[in-house]
Amino acid sequence: MSESDPVPTFSPGEGIRGVSQAPKFFDAADILHNSKASIQSAKSPGILLLADGTRYEGLLFGAEKISEGELVFTTGMCGYQESLTDPSFAGQVLTFTYPLIGNYGILPGISESSKVHPRGVICRQQITYPDNRESIGSIHQFLVAHGVPGIEGIDTRSLTRRVREYGTLLCVFGPKEKEVELQRILNELTPPDKEDLVAQVTCNEEKLLNEGAKDFNNNNLPRIAVIDCGIKYNILRKLCERFEVIWCPANSSYDRIMERWSPSAFFASNGPGDPAHPGMAASARKILSSAIMDDLPVMGICLGHQLMGLNAGLKTYKLRYGHRGSNQPVMDLDNGRIHITSQNHGFAVEDPIKGMLSPHPSGLISNIDEIPMDVDFKVRYINSNDGTVEGLDLIDKPVFTIQFHPESCPGPHDASPLFDRFQELVSNYLINKSPLIQGGR
């Protein structure tokens, strides 16, 4: 690394009791320390084309390139940096419904990965000069540094209404003078769900993040294996506070992980794409199945929830427009409590009784020939808006899943105690060797 290279700043194991040398990784904002991009874009005329024939005109910012992908929207009023760096947006063109993006600039140390994952950004207005003393750059500079284009001046209310009514659809945007070329690209575009998106966002090798981690009584924290299908940084932070964490690629081998690391539990992360894809998502699914059959504690979030739903014999399917934002209401069926949650997903697990709720017009569903695990389960959480499944408990197994994001970056903290629930499951397993599901909080 030369003196001009950015210094990695993300270290989820740093500051944990007992940890002396925690490894560091790049935060997506680190690149701005050496960015030479102008704070202001040229604002050249641009055009956004949708697969249904709709056409919008706007002004380009960010990287000077053509954007193509699946058009989705997120409803958060803040947290744009966390959304831009969420690996679950891989393959998509992200629309922000909040009209002003970039107000407080780009901040050091709050990104959710090492890069910007959407293939393009759409907004009503991007703020050129952020008003925040902690800011190290504008959203325009951030997108330029990561090679991602943006377009502003779009009627995002009209765009969002169209997606809500007709479902997510393919789109392309770029310079207005290239409209003919853009239309050709759009005509030849294939859905990103067909790509192995997990392979694009998973880590490269197994890493021990907080070796020697101890609790307040100076006892060693239990070791868990985290299967990375596109994990967000704050999930790793939350887990490192409670466990000694092995960060594993999605295509790791269960036998290899057990032989080399001897974890006491497994965790399955969020991530992009179709959970029934035959690529790395299938590899992660097999790891989880083996862990469950060995009666190890397992927790799954988002894509991890969908993978375990498939293991349990349920189908997964594409939602009309998905759940993306930080204000999604979820009901705990055990006690009737409503959690306001952060979510980012375009697929769901079918309800075992009601079937597929709010499906996409494409009718995309899972098509897996594997024999499901011999396990009983119950639906524990449902979305209060559309009734879709938001979480499962496996009966007589130390296993539960949730579709939403308890790490709260961005979003409310209602669901954060679910990390404590997992911690209790693992503790109960280690103490009693009698893995029974503990009640939620």
Protein backbone atom coordinates (compact mmCIF):
# COMPACT_ATOMS: atom_id res chain seq x y z
CA MET A 1 0.00 0.00 0.00
CA SER A 2 1.43 3.37 -1.02
CA GLU A 3 1.14 6.56 1.01
CA SER A 4 -1.55 7.80 -1.35
CA ASP A 5 -3.77 4.74 -0.87
CA PRO A 6 -6.73 5.06 1.52
CA VAL A 7 -6.37 3.43 4.93
CA PRO A 8 -9.00 0.79 5.86
CA THR A 9 -11.12 1.90 8.81
CA PHE A 10 -13.77 -0.81 9.38
CA SER A 11 -12.84 -3.12 12.25
CA PRO A 12 -15.83 -4.81 13.95
CA GLY A 13 -13.55 -6.55 16.44
CA GLU A 14 -11.80 -3.38 17.58
CA GLY A 15 -12.62 -2.36 21.13
CA ILE A 16 -13.96 -5.80 22.08
CA ARG A 17 -12.69 -7.04 25.46
CA GLY A 18 -9.81 -9.52 25.03
CA VAL A 19 -9.09 -8.63 21.39
CA SER A 20 -5.56 -7.31 20.82
CA GLN A 21 -5.19 -7.20 17.02
CA ALA A 22 -8.48 -6.92 15.14
CA PRO A 23 -8.22 -6.96 11.33
CA LYS A 24 -9.33 -3.89 9.39
CA PHE A 25 -11.30 -3.65 6.16
CA PHE A 26 -12.27 -0.86 3.79
CA ASP A 27 -15.31 1.31 4.41
CA ALA A 28 -16.82 2.63 1.16
CA ALA A 29 -16.19 6.21 2.32
CA ASP A 30 -12.44 5.62 2.78
CA ILE A 31 -11.90 6.19 -0.94
CA LEU A 32 -13.02 9.83 -0.61
CA HIS A 33 -9.90 10.75 1.34
CA ASN A 34 -8.01 10.64 -1.97
CA SER A 35 -10.82 11.49 -4.38
CA LYS A 36 -10.11 14.31 -6.81
CA ALA A 37 -13.65 14.48 -8.24
CA SER A 38 -15.23 17.92 -8.39
CA ILE A 39 -17.91 18.45 -5.75
CA GLN A 40 -20.29 19.61 -8.49
CA SER A 41 -21.46 17.59 -11.49
CA ALA A 42 -21.72 18.91 -15.03
CA LYS A 43 -25.51 18.33 -14.87
CA SER A 44 -25.77 17.25 -18.50
CA PRO A 45 -29.22 16.23 -19.82
CA GLY A 46 -30.12 12.60 -19.21
CA ILE A 47 -32.96 10.23 -19.96
CA LEU A 48 -34.49 7.32 -18.03
CA LEU A 49 -36.26 4.58 -19.99
CA LEU A 50 -38.45 1.88 -18.42
CA ALA A 51 -39.25 -1.53 -19.90
CA ASP A 52 -42.96 -0.62 -20.11
CA GLY A 53 -42.18 2.26 -22.48
CA THR A 54 -42.25 5.07 -19.91
CA ARG A 55 -39.72 7.86 -20.45
CA TYR A 56 -38.38 10.47 -18.00
CA GLU A 57 -35.93 13.32 -18.57
CA GLY A 58 -33.48 14.59 -15.95
CA LEU A 59 -29.92 15.70 -15.23
CA LEU A 60 -26.99 13.32 -14.85
CA PHE A 61 -24.55 13.27 -11.94
CA GLY A 62 -22.12 10.76 -10.48
CA ALA A 63 -20.01 8.63 -12.82
CA GLU A 64 -20.27 9.30 -16.55
CA LYS A 65 -21.62 5.96 -17.72
CA ILE A 66 -24.85 4.20 -18.62
CA SER A 67 -26.86 2.56 -15.86
CA GLU A 68 -28.98 -0.56 -16.32
CA GLY A 69 -30.77 -2.89 -13.94
CA GLU A 70 -33.99 -3.56 -12.03
CA LEU A 71 -35.80 -0.42 -10.89
CA VAL A 72 -36.66 -0.42 -7.16
CA PHE A 73 -37.39 2.26 -4.56
CA THR A 74 -36.62 2.82 -0.89
CA THR A 75 -38.73 4.97 1.42
CA GLY A 76 -36.21 6.00 4.09
CA MET A 77 -36.02 9.71 4.92
CA CYS A 78 -32.34 9.41 5.85
CA GLY A 79 -29.64 6.75 5.71
CA TYR A 80 -28.85 7.16 2.01
CA GLN A 81 -25.17 6.28 2.56
CA GLU A 82 -26.11 3.04 4.31
CA SER A 83 -28.58 2.20 1.52
CA LEU A 84 -26.05 2.93 -1.23
CA THR A 85 -23.55 0.56 0.41
CA ASP A 86 -26.05 -2.22 1.22
CA PRO A 87 -25.02 -5.33 -0.81
CA SER A 88 -28.69 -6.35 -1.08
CA PHE A 89 -29.07 -3.63 -3.75
CA ALA A 90 -26.64 -5.39 -6.11
CA GLY A 91 -28.08 -5.58 -9.62
CA GLN A 92 -30.63 -2.83 -9.03
CA VAL A 93 -31.20 0.82 -9.89
CA LEU A 94 -32.20 2.55 -6.67
CA THR A 95 -34.83 5.29 -6.47
CA PHE A 96 -34.98 7.42 -3.32
CA THR A 97 -38.53 8.54 -2.58
CA TYR A 98 -37.35 11.26 -0.18
CA PRO A 99 -36.91 14.34 -2.40
CA LEU A 100 -33.52 15.60 -1.10
CA ILE A 101 -30.53 13.25 -1.10
CA GLY A 102 -27.07 14.21 0.13
CA ASN A 103 -28.06 16.89 2.68
CA TYR A 104 -25.53 15.79 5.28
CA GLY A 105 -22.91 14.53 2.83
CA ILE A 106 -20.89 11.33 3.13
CA LEU A 107 -19.63 10.49 6.61
CA PRO A 108 -16.61 8.39 7.59
CA GLY A 109 -17.22 5.00 9.17
CA ILE A 110 -20.95 4.56 8.60
CA SER A 111 -21.02 2.64 5.31
CA GLU A 112 -22.45 -0.89 5.27
CA SER A 113 -19.78 -2.36 2.98
CA SER A 114 -16.66 -1.44 1.03
CA LYS A 115 -18.42 -0.23 -2.14
CA VAL A 116 -21.59 1.24 -3.66
CA HIS A 117 -23.80 -1.62 -4.85
CA PRO A 118 -26.74 -0.19 -6.86
CA ARG A 119 -25.99 0.06 -10.58
CA GLY A 120 -27.54 3.51 -10.67
CA VAL A 121 -29.19 6.11 -8.44
CA ILE A 122 -32.40 8.06 -9.15
CA CYS A 123 -33.57 11.03 -7.08
CA ARG A 124 -35.56 14.20 -7.22
CA GLN A 125 -32.63 16.41 -6.16
CA GLN A 126 -29.08 15.70 -5.03
CA ILE A 127 -27.46 18.26 -2.76
CA THR A 128 -24.20 19.61 -4.14
CA TYR A 129 -22.87 21.27 -0.98
CA PRO A 130 -23.59 19.17 2.15
CA ASP A 131 -24.21 20.95 5.46
CA ASN A 132 -22.34 18.83 8.00
CA ARG A 133 -18.96 19.44 9.59
CA GLU A 134 -18.26 15.68 9.60
CA SER A 135 -18.82 15.28 5.86
CA ILE A 136 -15.85 14.22 3.72
CA GLY A 137 -17.59 14.55 0.36
CA SER A 138 -20.81 14.97 -1.59
CA ILE A 139 -23.00 12.17 -2.87
CA HIS A 140 -21.84 13.12 -6.39
CA GLN A 141 -18.19 12.64 -5.40
CA PHE A 142 -19.08 9.37 -3.67
CA LEU A 143 -20.73 7.96 -6.80
CA VAL A 144 -17.89 9.15 -9.03
CA ALA A 145 -15.32 7.46 -6.79
CA HIS A 146 -17.21 4.15 -7.03
CA GLY A 147 -18.06 4.40 -10.73
CA VAL A 148 -21.84 4.58 -10.26
CA PRO A 149 -24.03 6.98 -12.29
CA GLY A 150 -26.99 8.99 -11.02
CA ILE A 151 -29.86 11.00 -12.47
CA GLU A 152 -31.81 13.77 -10.72
CA GLY A 153 -34.76 15.95 -11.63
CA ILE A 154 -36.98 12.87 -11.97
CA ASP A 155 -40.59 12.87 -10.75
CA THR A 156 -39.91 10.15 -8.18
CA ARG A 157 -43.54 10.21 -6.96
CA SER A 158 -44.77 9.23 -10.41
CA LEU A 159 -41.99 6.65 -10.74
CA THR A 160 -42.79 5.06 -7.37
CA ARG A 161 -46.52 4.91 -8.10
CA ARG A 162 -45.77 3.10 -11.35
CA VAL A 163 -43.57 0.51 -9.60
CA ARG A 164 -46.15 -0.02 -6.83
CA GLU A 165 -48.90 -0.59 -9.37
CA TYR A 166 -47.10 -2.65 -12.00
CA GLY A 167 -44.19 -4.12 -10.03
CA THR A 168 -40.43 -3.72 -10.34
CA LEU A 169 -39.22 -3.57 -13.92
CA LEU A 170 -36.03 -3.21 -15.92
CA CYS A 171 -34.71 0.24 -16.75
CA VAL A 172 -31.76 2.10 -18.23
CA PHE A 173 -30.57 5.71 -18.03
CA GLY A 174 -27.78 7.76 -19.55
CA PRO A 175 -27.05 10.77 -21.79
CA LYS A 176 -30.07 12.08 -23.67
CA GLU A 177 -28.20 12.11 -26.97
CA LYS A 178 -27.73 8.32 -26.66
CA GLU A 179 -31.45 7.51 -26.49
CA VAL A 180 -31.31 5.10 -29.42
CA GLU A 181 -28.43 3.19 -27.83
CA LEU A 182 -30.18 3.20 -24.45
CA GLN A 183 -33.31 1.72 -26.00
CA ARG A 184 -31.25 -1.04 -27.63
CA ILE A 185 -29.60 -1.85 -24.29
CA LEU A 186 -32.99 -1.97 -22.60
CA ASN A 187 -34.42 -4.28 -25.25
CA GLU A 188 -31.55 -6.74 -24.69
CA LEU A 189 -31.48 -6.44 -20.89
CA THR A 190 -32.08 -9.57 -18.80
CA PRO A 191 -33.28 -9.57 -15.15
CA PRO A 192 -30.42 -9.42 -12.63
CA ASP A 193 -32.19 -12.19 -10.66
CA LYS A 194 -30.74 -14.62 -13.22
CA GLU A 195 -27.20 -13.62 -12.19
CA ASP A 196 -25.30 -15.12 -9.28
CA LEU A 197 -25.48 -11.87 -7.33
CA VAL A 198 -24.35 -13.48 -4.06
CA ALA A 199 -21.04 -14.35 -5.77
CA GLN A 200 -20.56 -10.63 -6.49
CA VAL A 201 -20.90 -9.53 -2.87
CA THR A 202 -19.64 -12.34 -0.60
CA CYS A 203 -16.21 -12.16 1.06
CA ASN A 204 -13.23 -13.98 -0.49
CA GLU A 205 -11.91 -16.05 2.41
CA GLU A 206 -12.65 -17.10 5.98
CA LYS A 207 -11.52 -14.50 8.53
CA LEU A 208 -11.50 -14.47 12.34
CA LEU A 209 -12.69 -10.96 13.23
CA ASN A 210 -12.19 -10.74 17.00
CA GLU A 211 -9.87 -13.48 18.19
CA GLY A 212 -9.83 -13.88 21.98
CA ALA A 213 -13.09 -11.96 22.52
CA LYS A 214 -14.32 -12.14 26.12
CA ASP A 215 -17.41 -11.12 28.07
CA PHE A 216 -17.47 -8.82 31.11
CA ASN A 217 -16.67 -11.77 33.37
CA ASN A 218 -13.54 -12.47 31.30
CA ASN A 219 -15.02 -15.68 29.86
CA ASN A 220 -14.38 -16.52 26.21
CA LEU A 221 -17.28 -15.60 23.96
CA PRO A 222 -18.77 -18.53 22.01
CA ARG A 223 -17.56 -18.86 18.44
CA ILE A 224 -20.00 -18.63 15.53
CA ALA A 225 -19.62 -18.95 11.76
CA VAL A 226 -21.23 -16.15 9.76
CA ILE A 227 -22.18 -17.14 6.20
CA ASP A 228 -21.76 -14.00 4.10
CA CYS A 229 -24.35 -13.73 1.34
CA GLY A 230 -23.88 -9.94 1.22
CA ILE A 231 -23.63 -9.03 4.89
CA LYS A 232 -23.93 -5.48 6.18
CA TYR A 233 -21.13 -4.14 8.35
CA ASN A 234 -23.35 -3.30 11.32
CA ILE A 235 -24.51 -6.92 11.52
CA LEU A 236 -20.86 -7.89 11.96
CA ARG A 237 -20.47 -5.22 14.66
CA LYS A 238 -23.52 -6.50 16.56
CA LEU A 239 -22.33 -10.10 16.33
CA CYS A 240 -18.76 -9.27 17.42
CA GLU A 241 -20.17 -7.75 20.61
CA ARG A 242 -21.70 -11.12 21.51
CA PHE A 243 -19.57 -13.81 19.85
CA GLU A 244 -16.15 -14.65 18.47
CA VAL A 245 -16.96 -14.34 14.77
CA ILE A 246 -15.68 -16.30 11.76
CA TRP A 247 -16.60 -14.38 8.59
CA CYS A 248 -17.11 -17.04 5.88
CA PRO A 249 -17.79 -16.89 2.11
CA ALA A 250 -21.12 -18.24 0.91
CA ASN A 251 -19.41 -21.09 -0.94
CA SER A 252 -17.55 -22.39 2.11
CA SER A 253 -17.83 -26.06 3.03
CA TYR A 254 -19.70 -26.99 6.23
CA ASP A 255 -17.26 -29.80 6.96
CA ARG A 256 -14.29 -27.48 6.39
CA ILE A 257 -15.70 -24.81 8.70
CA MET A 258 -16.38 -27.35 11.46
CA GLU A 259 -12.97 -28.98 11.05
CA ARG A 260 -10.95 -25.77 10.99
CA TRP A 261 -12.91 -23.47 13.30
CA SER A 262 -15.25 -25.64 15.44
CA PRO A 263 -18.01 -23.02 15.77
CA SER A 264 -20.88 -23.51 18.21
CA ALA A 265 -23.47 -21.87 15.97
CA PHE A 266 -24.14 -20.50 12.47
CA PHE A 267 -25.55 -17.22 11.22
CA ALA A 268 -26.90 -16.56 7.70
CA SER A 269 -26.78 -12.99 6.41
CA ASN A 270 -28.80 -10.76 4.15
CA GLY A 271 -27.96 -10.56 0.46
CA PRO A 272 -29.23 -9.88 -3.07
CA GLY A 273 -31.03 -11.90 -5.69
CA ASP A 274 -33.14 -15.02 -5.99
CA PRO A 275 -32.75 -17.36 -2.97
CA ALA A 276 -33.39 -20.31 -5.30
CA HIS A 277 -30.48 -19.42 -7.59
CA PRO A 278 -28.25 -22.48 -8.21
CA GLY A 279 -25.03 -20.56 -7.53
CA MET A 280 -23.62 -19.42 -4.20
CA ALA A 281 -27.06 -19.07 -2.63
CA ALA A 282 -27.43 -22.85 -3.04
CA SER A 283 -24.03 -23.38 -1.40
CA ALA A 284 -25.06 -21.27 1.59
CA ARG A 285 -28.35 -23.15 1.81
CA LYS A 286 -26.52 -26.47 2.08
CA ILE A 287 -24.29 -25.17 4.88
CA LEU A 288 -27.34 -24.10 6.86
CA SER A 289 -29.11 -27.40 6.27
CA SER A 290 -26.11 -29.32 7.62
CA ALA A 291 -25.90 -27.08 10.69
CA ILE A 292 -29.59 -27.52 11.45
CA MET A 293 -29.42 -31.29 11.02
CA ASP A 294 -26.54 -31.33 13.51
CA ASP A 295 -28.79 -29.46 15.98
CA LEU A 296 -26.56 -26.37 16.08
CA PRO A 297 -28.12 -22.96 16.83
CA VAL A 298 -28.81 -20.99 13.64
CA MET A 299 -30.15 -17.50 12.98
CA GLY A 300 -31.01 -16.14 9.54
CA ILE A 301 -31.66 -12.56 8.41
CA CYS A 302 -33.31 -11.56 5.11
CA LEU A 303 -31.79 -13.81 2.41
CA GLY A 304 -30.70 -16.15 5.21
CA HIS A 305 -34.36 -16.39 6.24
CA GLN A 306 -35.39 -17.22 2.68
CA LEU A 307 -32.70 -19.89 2.33
CA MET A 308 -33.92 -21.63 5.46
CA GLY A 309 -37.51 -21.33 4.28
CA LEU A 310 -36.48 -23.30 1.19
CA ASN A 311 -34.74 -25.85 3.43
CA ALA A 312 -37.97 -26.27 5.38
CA GLY A 313 -39.88 -27.09 2.18
CA LEU A 314 -41.53 -23.73 1.56
CA LYS A 315 -41.36 -21.93 -1.78
CA THR A 316 -39.89 -18.49 -2.30
CA TYR A 317 -41.29 -16.00 -4.78
CA LYS A 318 -40.68 -12.52 -6.14
CA LEU A 319 -42.74 -9.73 -4.57
CA ARG A 320 -44.56 -7.12 -6.63
CA TYR A 321 -42.26 -4.31 -5.48
CA GLY A 322 -40.63 -5.66 -2.32
CA HIS A 323 -40.09 -4.04 1.06
CA ARG A 324 -37.35 -1.41 1.09
CA GLY A 325 -37.19 1.27 3.76
CA SER A 326 -36.99 1.84 7.50
CA ASN A 327 -40.67 2.00 8.42
CA GLN A 328 -42.01 -1.52 7.77
CA PRO A 329 -44.44 -2.75 10.50
CA VAL A 330 -43.98 -6.39 11.56
CA MET A 331 -46.20 -8.31 13.99
CA ASP A 332 -44.87 -10.93 16.41
CA LEU A 333 -47.66 -13.52 16.38
CA ASP A 334 -46.58 -14.87 19.77
CA ASN A 335 -47.49 -11.70 21.63
CA GLY A 336 -49.15 -9.36 19.12
CA ARG A 337 -46.41 -6.76 19.45
CA ILE A 338 -45.68 -4.55 16.41
CA HIS A 339 -42.05 -3.76 15.54
CA ILE A 340 -41.21 -0.92 13.14
CA THR A 341 -38.35 -2.37 11.12
CA SER A 342 -35.76 -1.70 8.46
CA GLN A 343 -36.06 -3.94 5.38
CA ASN A 344 -34.54 -4.47 1.95
CA HIS A 345 -35.75 -7.46 -0.03
CA GLY A 346 -37.57 -8.32 -3.23
CA PHE A 347 -38.34 -12.00 -2.51
CA ALA A 348 -40.43 -13.63 0.21
CA VAL A 349 -41.15 -17.04 1.73
CA GLU A 350 -44.64 -18.33 0.98
CA ASP A 351 -47.15 -18.58 3.81
CA PRO A 352 -47.82 -22.30 4.47
CA ILE A 353 -51.59 -21.60 4.63
CA LYS A 354 -52.23 -18.43 2.60
CA GLY A 355 -49.61 -19.11 -0.07
CA MET A 356 -47.95 -16.30 -2.03
CA LEU A 357 -49.10 -12.83 -1.06
CA SER A 358 -48.43 -9.72 -3.19
CA PRO A 359 -46.60 -11.65 -5.95
CA HIS A 360 -44.76 -10.01 -8.85
CA PRO A 361 -46.54 -9.99 -12.25
CA SER A 362 -43.71 -12.16 -13.63
CA GLY A 363 -44.87 -15.01 -11.39
CA LEU A 364 -41.26 -15.88 -10.50
CA ILE A 365 -41.16 -18.67 -7.88
CA SER A 366 -38.53 -21.09 -6.63
CA ASN A 367 -37.95 -24.32 -8.51
CA ILE A 368 -35.82 -26.58 -6.32
CA ASP A 369 -35.79 -30.34 -6.67
CA GLU A 370 -34.03 -31.03 -3.37
CA ILE A 371 -35.85 -32.95 -0.64
CA PRO A 372 -36.52 -30.51 2.24
CA MET A 373 -35.27 -31.06 5.76
CA ASP A 374 -37.48 -33.09 8.07
CA VAL A 375 -38.32 -30.20 10.41
CA ASP A 376 -41.47 -28.65 11.84
CA PHE A 377 -41.82 -24.87 11.94
CA LYS A 378 -44.24 -22.10 12.68
CA VAL A 379 -44.65 -18.62 11.22
CA ARG A 380 -43.57 -16.25 14.00
CA TYR A 381 -43.62 -12.84 12.27
CA ILE A 382 -45.77 -11.35 9.51
CA ASN A 383 -45.74 -8.01 7.69
CA SER A 384 -48.64 -5.91 9.00
CA ASN A 385 -49.17 -4.24 5.61
CA ASP A 386 -49.50 -7.20 3.25
CA GLY A 387 -49.43 -10.26 5.54
CA THR A 388 -46.26 -11.75 4.03
CA VAL A 389 -44.07 -14.03 6.14
CA GLU A 390 -41.41 -12.11 8.09
CA GLY A 391 -39.94 -14.85 10.28
CA LEU A 392 -39.99 -18.54 11.18
CA ASP A 393 -39.29 -20.55 14.33
CA LEU A 394 -38.20 -24.17 13.90
CA ILE A 395 -39.92 -26.43 16.44
CA ASP A 396 -37.60 -28.24 18.89
CA LYS A 397 -34.59 -26.74 17.13
CA PRO A 398 -32.48 -23.76 18.28
CA VAL A 399 -33.23 -22.00 15.01
CA PHE A 400 -35.17 -18.91 14.02
CA THR A 401 -35.25 -16.58 11.03
CA ILE A 402 -36.35 -13.01 10.36
CA GLN A 403 -36.90 -11.19 7.09
CA PHE A 404 -36.18 -7.74 8.55
CA HIS A 405 -32.95 -6.06 9.74
CA PRO A 406 -32.37 -5.77 13.52
CA GLU A 407 -28.97 -4.09 13.06
CA SER A 408 -30.82 -0.80 12.38
CA CYS A 409 -28.51 0.83 9.82
CA PRO A 410 -30.45 2.75 8.77
CA GLY A 411 -33.65 2.34 10.74
CA PRO A 412 -35.34 1.98 14.12
CA HIS A 413 -34.04 -0.20 16.95
CA ASP A 414 -37.27 -2.07 17.75
CA ALA A 415 -35.90 -5.43 16.58
CA SER A 416 -32.35 -5.17 17.97
CA PRO A 417 -33.13 -7.49 20.95
CA LEU A 418 -33.29 -10.38 18.46
CA PHE A 419 -29.49 -10.51 18.55
CA ASP A 420 -29.86 -11.08 22.30
CA ARG A 421 -32.35 -13.86 21.59
CA PHE A 422 -29.77 -15.59 19.42
CA GLN A 423 -27.11 -15.09 22.10
CA GLU A 424 -29.41 -16.79 24.63
CA LEU A 425 -30.04 -19.67 22.24
CA VAL A 426 -26.32 -20.28 21.86
CA SER A 427 -25.72 -20.00 25.62
CA ASN A 428 -28.53 -22.44 26.34
CA TYR A 429 -27.14 -24.86 23.78
CA LEU A 430 -23.66 -24.75 25.26
CA ILE A 431 -24.78 -25.04 28.88
CA ASN A 432 -27.52 -27.62 28.59
CA LYS A 433 -26.88 -29.34 25.26
CA SER A 434 -30.67 -29.30 25.08
CA PRO A 435 -31.38 -26.86 22.21
CA LEU A 436 -34.87 -25.58 22.80
CA ILE A 437 -36.17 -22.36 21.26
CA GLN A 438 -36.26 -19.54 23.76
CA GLY A 439 -39.10 -17.04 23.79
CA GLY A 440 -38.62 -13.76 21.98
CA ARG A 441 -38.49 -10.43 23.76
